[in-house]
Amino acid sequence: MKTKKLAVAPTAVLGVMQGLRASARQERPVVVAGPPGLVSLLAADLRRGGVDSMVREQGPLEGASLLITVLAGEPTADDERLLRDATRARLQVIAVVPGTREAPAHVPYVLDENLVRVESGTSFPIEAIARRVARVLGESATPLAARLPVLREAVCDELIRKFSRQNGIVGVIVFIPGADLPIMTVNQIRLVLRIADTYGFEIDRERLPEVLAVIGSAFGFRALARKTIGLVPLVGWAVKGAFGYTGTRAIGEAAVRYFEQRAPVAKIAGDRVRFPA
């Protein structure tokens, strides 16, 4: 089968790869702080199947990716001091608070949307915490998810949501025929490479065509979108945006299944497995 040529400059693809390779080497752990017993439980949940050193209990904040603070009630003076220090260090902060009426409705230095509530008598809502980690860190969450597998699903979901939305918008606002293709293609390449990084893979130039073959499945969506625009010009831009969103989401979901089946069983912090393992 003849490989379709991508409508994007090779230098743009290599730039994406180099930037991602640099970020993948970063070892920026999560700091979990709060009552020692609760911190130990949450840290154990986050470390499950992953690299222990990527979760620091009670600090320090230096070199961390974010702070997750566990509060048993209203924040103490020490809690507020830690939260202030994290804010000054420009760290993202997530607060895990009780799901009771007595629990604080607001926590200083923490956005309300970054409060995760725990119902009494239940374990930590790891899925909800993982979703919030994925949302606040964005693309920079992929090296962390490679080392902490409990974060992978949430991080991949967030990547797919972000890039699908971007390509949907590109499809609507780019009016010059064909001008959207390079932008969408680079976004799709970035999405697939980020998902690969989430599963601990590093893809080099020799394996890039194999990744692009996965991405190539989007061209059918775009060709159909262009044809639809010609037939229905009044609603064409909306249709084009919908295809940009749907095609990118399909690529992301396919990439997750592809790399999940090939994911390395164990990794050492800082290492990457050359694709394929």
Foldseek 3Di string as FASTA:
>chain_A
DDDDDAPADPVLLVVLQVVVLVLLLQQAAEEEEDDVVLSVQVLCVQQVLFDSVRYHYHDDNPRHQAYEYEDAAADDPVRVVNLVVCVVVVHAYAYEYEPDPRHDCDHPNHDSVRYHYDYPPDRDPLVVNLLSVLVVRPLSCQSVLLGGVSNLVNNLVSLLVVLLQVQLVLLQPDDPPPPSRNVLLSSLSSSLQSNLSSLQEREDPVCSSVLVVLLVVLVVLQVVLVVVCVVPVVCSSNSRSVSSNVSSSVSSVVSNVVCVVQRDSYDDRSHGHYPRD
